């Protein structure tokens, strides 16, 4: 069973967290695109990774975290 953590942060700080996670997600999408095509239109920075499937998985993981945070914000 997962252990949950409750944080109390100002809404602006949560926005900054979402922005940071979004940038990480974009880097991983860029990495996947680069590994698949040899170039990327999304950005110039790629992570060290050998398989596009792994990069897609990590990008989706970041997107899931972002979605969970946004959902909790909407419910408040």
PDB file of N, CA and C in Angstrom:
ATOM      1  N   UNK A   1       0.837  -1.180   0.000  1.00  0.00           N
ATOM      2  CA  UNK A   1       0.000   0.000   0.000  1.00  0.00           C
ATOM      3  C   UNK A   1       0.881   1.242   0.000  1.00  0.00           C
ATOM      4  N   UNK A   2       0.519   2.197  -0.850  1.00  0.00           N
ATOM      5  CA  UNK A   2       1.295   3.422  -0.937  1.00  0.00           C
ATOM      6  C   UNK A   2       1.059   4.307   0.271  1.00  0.00           C
ATOM      7  N   UNK A   3       2.095   4.996   0.667  1.00  0.00           N
ATOM      8  CA  UNK A   3       1.996   5.969   1.737  1.00  0.00           C
ATOM      9  C   UNK A   3       1.764   7.335   1.116  1.00  0.00           C
ATOM     10  N   UNK A   4       0.780   8.072   1.598  1.00  0.00           N
ATOM     11  CA  UNK A   4       0.446   9.379   1.060  1.00  0.00           C
ATOM     12  C   UNK A   4       0.989  10.476   1.955  1.00  0.00           C
ATOM     13  N   UNK A   5       1.279  11.611   1.347  1.00  0.00           N
ATOM     14  CA  UNK A   5       1.780  12.782   2.055  1.00  0.00           C
ATOM     15  C   UNK A   5       0.839  13.942   1.764  1.00  0.00           C
ATOM     16  N   UNK A   6       0.484  14.681   2.792  1.00  0.00           N
ATOM     17  CA  UNK A   6      -0.344  15.868   2.628  1.00  0.00           C
ATOM     18  C   UNK A   6       0.547  17.083   2.787  1.00  0.00           C
ATOM     19  N   UNK A   7       0.510  17.954   1.793  1.00  0.00           N
ATOM     20  CA  UNK A   7       1.296  19.182   1.828  1.00  0.00           C
ATOM     21  C   UNK A   7       0.370  20.381   1.880  1.00  0.00           C
ATOM     22  N   UNK A   8       0.784  21.402   2.602  1.00  0.00           N
ATOM     23  CA  UNK A   8       0.045  22.663   2.613  1.00  0.00           C
ATOM     24  C   UNK A   8       0.972  23.717   2.043  1.00  0.00           C
ATOM     25  N   UNK A   9       0.650  24.164   0.841  1.00  0.00           N
ATOM     26  CA  UNK A   9       1.478  25.139   0.149  1.00  0.00           C
ATOM     27  C   UNK A   9       0.604  26.239  -0.431  1.00  0.00           C
ATOM     28  N   UNK A  10       1.161  27.433  -0.578  1.00  0.00           N
ATOM     29  CA  UNK A  10       0.405  28.471  -1.275  1.00  0.00           C
ATOM     30  C   UNK A  10       0.141  28.043  -2.716  1.00  0.00           C
ATOM     31  N   UNK A  11      -1.009  28.447  -3.262  1.00  0.00           N
ATOM     32  CA  UNK A  11      -1.420  28.060  -4.610  1.00  0.00           C
ATOM     33  C   UNK A  11      -0.348  28.420  -5.639  1.00  0.00           C
ATOM     34  N   UNK A  12       0.303  29.567  -5.467  1.00  0.00           N
ATOM     35  CA  UNK A  12       1.357  29.973  -6.400  1.00  0.00           C
ATOM     36  C   UNK A  12       2.533  29.014  -6.396  1.00  0.00           C
ATOM     37  N   UNK A  13       2.877  28.503  -5.235  1.00  0.00           N
ATOM     38  CA  UNK A  13       3.967  27.519  -5.147  1.00  0.00           C
ATOM     39  C   UNK A  13       3.591  26.221  -5.849  1.00  0.00           C
ATOM     40  N   UNK A  14       2.332  25.827  -5.718  1.00  0.00           N
ATOM     41  CA  UNK A  14       1.869  24.620  -6.401  1.00  0.00           C
ATOM     42  C   UNK A  14       1.954  24.829  -7.917  1.00  0.00           C
ATOM     43  N   UNK A  15       1.630  26.031  -8.362  1.00  0.00           N
ATOM     44  CA  UNK A  15       1.772  26.348  -9.779  1.00  0.00           C
ATOM     45  C   UNK A  15       3.207  26.211 -10.253  1.00  0.00           C
ATOM     46  N   UNK A  16       4.150  26.622  -9.421  1.00  0.00           N
ATOM     47  CA  UNK A  16       5.566  26.480  -9.760  1.00  0.00           C
ATOM     48  C   UNK A  16       5.972  25.011  -9.834  1.00  0.00           C
ATOM     49  N   UNK A  17       5.440  24.206  -8.942  1.00  0.00           N
ATOM     50  CA  UNK A  17       5.715  22.764  -8.974  1.00  0.00           C
ATOM     51  C   UNK A  17       5.179  22.165 -10.275  1.00  0.00           C
ATOM     52  N   UNK A  18       3.967  22.543 -10.644  1.00  0.00           N
ATOM     53  CA  UNK A  18       3.382  22.045 -11.897  1.00  0.00           C
ATOM     54  C   UNK A  18       4.234  22.471 -13.079  1.00  0.00           C
ATOM     55  N   UNK A  19       4.691  23.723 -13.085  1.00  0.00           N
ATOM     56  CA  UNK A  19       5.547  24.205 -14.180  1.00  0.00           C
ATOM     57  C   UNK A  19       6.835  23.394 -14.279  1.00  0.00           C
ATOM     58  N   UNK A  20       7.453  23.114 -13.156  1.00  0.00           N
ATOM     59  CA  UNK A  20       8.686  22.329 -13.149  1.00  0.00           C
ATOM     60  C   UNK A  20       8.465  20.910 -13.648  1.00  0.00           C
ATOM     61  N   UNK A  21       7.386  20.291 -13.188  1.00  0.00           N
ATOM     62  CA  UNK A  21       7.064  18.933 -13.644  1.00  0.00           C
ATOM     63  C   UNK A  21       6.743  18.922 -15.138  1.00  0.00           C
ATOM     64  N   UNK A  22       6.090  19.966 -15.604  1.00  0.00           N
ATOM     65  CA  UNK A  22       5.772  20.066 -17.029  1.00  0.00           C
ATOM     66  C   UNK A  22       7.043  20.144 -17.855  1.00  0.00           C
ATOM     67  N   UNK A  23       8.020  20.909 -17.398  1.00  0.00           N
ATOM     68  CA  UNK A  23       9.282  21.005 -18.129  1.00  0.00           C
ATOM     69  C   UNK A  23       9.997  19.655 -18.174  1.00  0.00           C
ATOM     70  N   UNK A  24       9.964  18.918 -17.087  1.00  0.00           N
ATOM     71  CA  UNK A  24      10.577  17.580 -17.068  1.00  0.00           C
ATOM     72  C   UNK A  24       9.847  16.650 -18.042  1.00  0.00           C
ATOM     73  N   UNK A  25       8.525  16.729 -18.067  1.00  0.00           N
ATOM     74  CA  UNK A  25       7.744  15.911 -18.982  1.00  0.00           C
ATOM     75  C   UNK A  25       8.098  16.238 -20.434  1.00  0.00           C
ATOM     76  N   UNK A  26       8.255  17.523 -20.744  1.00  0.00           N
ATOM     77  CA  UNK A  26       8.610  17.932 -22.101  1.00  0.00           C
ATOM     78  C   UNK A  26       9.991  17.400 -22.485  1.00  0.00           C
ATOM     79  N   UNK A  27      10.945  17.441 -21.566  1.00  0.00           N
ATOM     80  CA  UNK A  27      12.283  16.924 -21.856  1.00  0.00           C
ATOM     81  C   UNK A  27      12.211  15.437 -22.191  1.00  0.00           C
ATOM     82  N   UNK A  28      11.397  14.694 -21.458  1.00  0.00           N
ATOM     83  CA  UNK A  28      11.284  13.262 -21.738  1.00  0.00           C
ATOM     84  C   UNK A  28      10.544  12.989 -23.036  1.00  0.00           C
ATOM     85  N   UNK A  29       9.556  13.818 -23.376  1.00  0.00           N
ATOM     86  CA  UNK A  29       8.907  13.690 -24.683  1.00  0.00           C
ATOM     87  C   UNK A  29       9.906  14.008 -25.803  1.00  0.00           C
ATOM     88  N   UNK A  30      10.731  15.019 -25.574  1.00  0.00           N
ATOM     89  CA  UNK A  30      11.774  15.375 -26.533  1.00  0.00           C
ATOM     90  C   UNK A  30      12.742  14.216 -26.721  1.00  0.00           C
ATOM     91  N   UNK A  31      13.123  13.592 -25.631  1.00  0.00           N
ATOM     92  CA  UNK A  31      14.029  12.448 -25.680  1.00  0.00           C
ATOM     93  C   UNK A  31      13.415  11.312 -26.489  1.00  0.00           C
ATOM     94  N   UNK A  32      12.149  11.016 -26.248  1.00  0.00           N
ATOM     95  CA  UNK A  32      11.477   9.948 -26.993  1.00  0.00           C
ATOM     96  C   UNK A  32      11.439  10.271 -28.480  1.00  0.00           C
ATOM     97  N   UNK A  33      11.085  11.509 -28.814  1.00  0.00           N
ATOM     98  CA  UNK A  33      11.025  11.908 -30.214  1.00  0.00           C
ATOM     99  C   UNK A  33      12.397  11.789 -30.878  1.00  0.00           C
ATOM    100  N   UNK A  34      13.433  12.225 -30.174  1.00  0.00           N
ATOM    101  CA  UNK A  34      14.787  12.142 -30.717  1.00  0.00           C
ATOM    102  C   UNK A  34      15.197  10.685 -30.955  1.00  0.00           C
ATOM    103  N   UNK A  35      14.895   9.819 -30.004  1.00  0.00           N
ATOM    104  CA  UNK A  35      15.267   8.410 -30.150  1.00  0.00           C
ATOM    105  C   UNK A  35      14.505   7.734 -31.290  1.00  0.00           C
ATOM    106  N   UNK A  36      13.301   8.201 -31.560  1.00  0.00           N
ATOM    107  CA  UNK A  36      12.492   7.612 -32.625  1.00  0.00           C
ATOM    108  C   UNK A  36      12.872   8.135 -34.018  1.00  0.00           C
ATOM    109  N   UNK A  37      13.222   9.424 -34.099  1.00  0.00           N
ATOM    110  CA  UNK A  37      13.396  10.044 -35.413  1.00  0.00           C
ATOM    111  C   UNK A  37      14.803  10.560 -35.695  1.00  0.00           C
ATOM    112  N   UNK A  38      15.606  10.705 -34.656  1.00  0.00           N
ATOM    113  CA  UNK A  38      16.944  11.263 -34.837  1.00  0.00           C
ATOM    114  C   UNK A  38      17.004  12.767 -34.649  1.00  0.00           C
ATOM    115  N   UNK A  39      15.855  13.402 -34.452  1.00  0.00           N
ATOM    116  CA  UNK A  39      15.800  14.836 -34.169  1.00  0.00           C
ATOM    117  C   UNK A  39      14.523  15.112 -33.382  1.00  0.00           C
ATOM    118  N   UNK A  40      14.411  16.325 -32.849  1.00  0.00           N
ATOM    119  CA  UNK A  40      13.205  16.677 -32.110  1.00  0.00           C
ATOM    120  C   UNK A  40      12.836  18.122 -32.391  1.00  0.00           C
ATOM    121  N   UNK A  41      11.564  18.357 -32.600  1.00  0.00           N
ATOM    122  CA  UNK A  41      11.042  19.712 -32.747  1.00  0.00           C
ATOM    123  C   UNK A  41      10.581  20.280 -31.400  1.00  0.00           C
ATOM    124  N   UNK A  42      10.545  19.452 -30.382  1.00  0.00           N
ATOM    125  CA  UNK A  42      10.051  19.891 -29.080  1.00  0.00           C
ATOM    126  C   UNK A  42      11.085  20.673 -28.281  1.00  0.00           C
ATOM    127  N   UNK A  43      12.364  20.371 -28.475  1.00  0.00           N
ATOM    128  CA  UNK A  43      13.396  21.038 -27.707  1.00  0.00           C
ATOM    129  C   UNK A  43      14.778  20.557 -28.092  1.00  0.00           C
ATOM    130  N   UNK A  44      15.770  21.143 -27.438  1.00  0.00           N
ATOM    131  CA  UNK A  44      17.165  20.840 -27.752  1.00  0.00           C
ATOM    132  C   UNK A  44      17.822  19.917 -26.742  1.00  0.00           C
ATOM    133  N   UNK A  45      17.211  19.742 -25.577  1.00  0.00           N
ATOM    134  CA  UNK A  45      17.818  18.966 -24.513  1.00  0.00           C
ATOM    135  C   UNK A  45      17.185  17.588 -24.452  1.00  0.00           C
ATOM    136  N   UNK A  46      18.022  16.557 -24.369  1.00  0.00           N
ATOM    137  CA  UNK A  46      17.497  15.199 -24.210  1.00  0.00           C
ATOM    138  C   UNK A  46      18.175  14.544 -23.008  1.00  0.00           C
ATOM    139  N   UNK A  47      17.483  13.591 -22.439  1.00  0.00           N
ATOM    140  CA  UNK A  47      18.011  12.830 -21.306  1.00  0.00           C
ATOM    141  C   UNK A  47      18.775  11.616 -21.814  1.00  0.00           C
ATOM    142  N   UNK A  48      19.620  11.077 -20.947  1.00  0.00           N
ATOM    143  CA  UNK A  48      20.339   9.861 -21.291  1.00  0.00           C
ATOM    144  C   UNK A  48      19.365   8.693 -21.185  1.00  0.00           C
ATOM    145  N   UNK A  49      19.122   8.055 -22.311  1.00  0.00           N
ATOM    146  CA  UNK A  49      18.134   6.989 -22.390  1.00  0.00           C
ATOM    147  C   UNK A  49      18.387   6.250 -23.695  1.00  0.00           C
ATOM    148  N   UNK A  50      18.190   4.949 -23.700  1.00  0.00           N
ATOM    149  CA  UNK A  50      18.481   4.192 -24.918  1.00  0.00           C
ATOM    150  C   UNK A  50      17.236   3.722 -25.653  1.00  0.00           C
ATOM    151  N   UNK A  51      16.076   3.767 -25.014  1.00  0.00           N
ATOM    152  CA  UNK A  51      14.860   3.248 -25.636  1.00  0.00           C
ATOM    153  C   UNK A  51      13.757   4.304 -25.604  1.00  0.00           C
ATOM    154  N   UNK A  52      13.128   4.558 -26.748  1.00  0.00           N
ATOM    155  CA  UNK A  52      12.041   5.539 -26.755  1.00  0.00           C
ATOM    156  C   UNK A  52      10.871   5.121 -25.864  1.00  0.00           C
ATOM    157  N   UNK A  53      10.651   3.824 -25.717  1.00  0.00           N
ATOM    158  CA  UNK A  53       9.556   3.347 -24.855  1.00  0.00           C
ATOM    159  C   UNK A  53       9.773   3.782 -23.405  1.00  0.00           C
ATOM    160  N   UNK A  54      11.019   3.721 -22.965  1.00  0.00           N
ATOM    161  CA  UNK A  54      11.328   4.160 -21.599  1.00  0.00           C
ATOM    162  C   UNK A  54      11.079   5.655 -21.451  1.00  0.00           C
ATOM    163  N   UNK A  55      11.496   6.433 -22.438  1.00  0.00           N
ATOM    164  CA  UNK A  55      11.294   7.881 -22.388  1.00  0.00           C
ATOM    165  C   UNK A  55       9.807   8.222 -22.390  1.00  0.00           C
ATOM    166  N   UNK A  56       9.021   7.519 -23.206  1.00  0.00           N
ATOM    167  CA  UNK A  56       7.566   7.734 -23.214  1.00  0.00           C
ATOM    168  C   UNK A  56       6.964   7.397 -21.858  1.00  0.00           C
ATOM    169  N   UNK A  57       7.405   6.298 -21.249  1.00  0.00           N
ATOM    170  CA  UNK A  57       6.900   5.886 -19.941  1.00  0.00           C
ATOM    171  C   UNK A  57       7.171   6.966 -18.892  1.00  0.00           C
ATOM    172  N   UNK A  58       8.385   7.507 -18.896  1.00  0.00           N
ATOM    173  CA  UNK A  58       8.744   8.532 -17.912  1.00  0.00           C
ATOM    174  C   UNK A  58       7.943   9.808 -18.155  1.00  0.00           C
ATOM    175  N   UNK A  59       7.762  10.196 -19.420  1.00  0.00           N
ATOM    176  CA  UNK A  59       6.953  11.378 -19.738  1.00  0.00           C
ATOM    177  C   UNK A  59       5.522  11.193 -19.243  1.00  0.00           C
ATOM    178  N   UNK A  60       4.961  10.004 -19.447  1.00  0.00           N
ATOM    179  CA  UNK A  60       3.609   9.712 -18.975  1.00  0.00           C
ATOM    180  C   UNK A  60       3.525   9.741 -17.452  1.00  0.00           C
ATOM    181  N   UNK A  61       4.580   9.279 -16.795  1.00  0.00           N
ATOM    182  CA  UNK A  61       4.627   9.305 -15.333  1.00  0.00           C
ATOM    183  C   UNK A  61       4.541  10.750 -14.819  1.00  0.00           C
ATOM    184  N   UNK A  62       5.345  11.642 -15.437  1.00  0.00           N
ATOM    185  CA  UNK A  62       5.274  13.062 -15.063  1.00  0.00           C
ATOM    186  C   UNK A  62       3.886  13.627 -15.341  1.00  0.00           C
ATOM    187  N   UNK A  63       3.301  13.272 -16.488  1.00  0.00           N
ATOM    188  CA  UNK A  63       1.971  13.775 -16.824  1.00  0.00           C
ATOM    189  C   UNK A  63       0.944  13.308 -15.804  1.00  0.00           C
ATOM    190  N   UNK A  64       1.055  12.083 -15.335  1.00  0.00           N
ATOM    191  CA  UNK A  64       0.128  11.571 -14.312  1.00  0.00           C
ATOM    192  C   UNK A  64       0.238  12.361 -13.018  1.00  0.00           C
ATOM    193  N   UNK A  65       1.449  12.694 -12.616  1.00  0.00           N
ATOM    194  CA  UNK A  65       1.637  13.496 -11.397  1.00  0.00           C
ATOM    195  C   UNK A  65       0.996  14.869 -11.580  1.00  0.00           C
ATOM    196  N   UNK A  66       1.240  15.487 -12.725  1.00  0.00           N
ATOM    197  CA  UNK A  66       0.662  16.800 -13.024  1.00  0.00           C
ATOM    198  C   UNK A  66      -0.863  16.731 -12.964  1.00  0.00           C
ATOM    199  N   UNK A  67      -1.430  15.705 -13.580  1.00  0.00           N
ATOM    200  CA  UNK A  67      -2.888  15.552 -13.591  1.00  0.00           C
ATOM    201  C   UNK A  67      -3.446  15.376 -12.181  1.00  0.00           C
ATOM    202  N   UNK A  68      -2.758  14.602 -11.345  1.00  0.00           N
ATOM    203  CA  UNK A  68      -3.214  14.407  -9.963  1.00  0.00           C
ATOM    204  C   UNK A  68      -3.208  15.719  -9.183  1.00  0.00           C
ATOM    205  N   UNK A  69      -2.158  16.495  -9.341  1.00  0.00           N
ATOM    206  CA  UNK A  69      -2.070  17.781  -8.634  1.00  0.00           C
ATOM    207  C   UNK A  69      -3.173  18.718  -9.112  1.00  0.00           C
ATOM    208  N   UNK A  70      -3.360  18.814 -10.437  1.00  0.00           N
ATOM    209  CA  UNK A  70      -4.396  19.699 -10.972  1.00  0.00           C
ATOM    210  C   UNK A  70      -5.782  19.271 -10.515  1.00  0.00           C
ATOM    211  N   UNK A  71      -6.028  17.980 -10.456  1.00  0.00           N
ATOM    212  CA  UNK A  71      -7.333  17.483 -10.005  1.00  0.00           C
ATOM    213  C   UNK A  71      -7.587  17.879  -8.555  1.00  0.00           C
ATOM    214  N   UNK A  72      -6.552  17.761  -7.718  1.00  0.00           N
ATOM    215  CA  UNK A  72      -6.702  18.145  -6.320  1.00  0.00           C
ATOM    216  C   UNK A  72      -6.939  19.641  -6.192  1.00  0.00           C
ATOM    217  N   UNK A  73      -6.284  20.443  -7.033  1.00  0.00           N
ATOM    218  CA  UNK A  73      -6.524  21.885  -7.011  1.00  0.00           C
ATOM    219  C   UNK A  73      -7.962  22.221  -7.379  1.00  0.00           C
ATOM    220  N   UNK A  74      -8.473  21.545  -8.404  1.00  0.00           N
ATOM    221  CA  UNK A  74      -9.854  21.790  -8.841  1.00  0.00           C
ATOM    222  C   UNK A  74     -10.860  21.405  -7.768  1.00  0.00           C
ATOM    223  N   UNK A  75     -10.555  20.406  -6.979  1.00  0.00           N
ATOM    224  CA  UNK A  75     -11.483  19.933  -5.960  1.00  0.00           C
ATOM    225  C   UNK A  75     -11.467  20.774  -4.695  1.00  0.00           C
ATOM    226  N   UNK A  76     -10.597  21.743  -4.611  1.00  0.00           N
ATOM    227  CA  UNK A  76     -10.547  22.584  -3.411  1.00  0.00           C
ATOM    228  C   UNK A  76     -11.426  23.810  -3.556  1.00  0.00           C
TER     229      UNK A  76
END
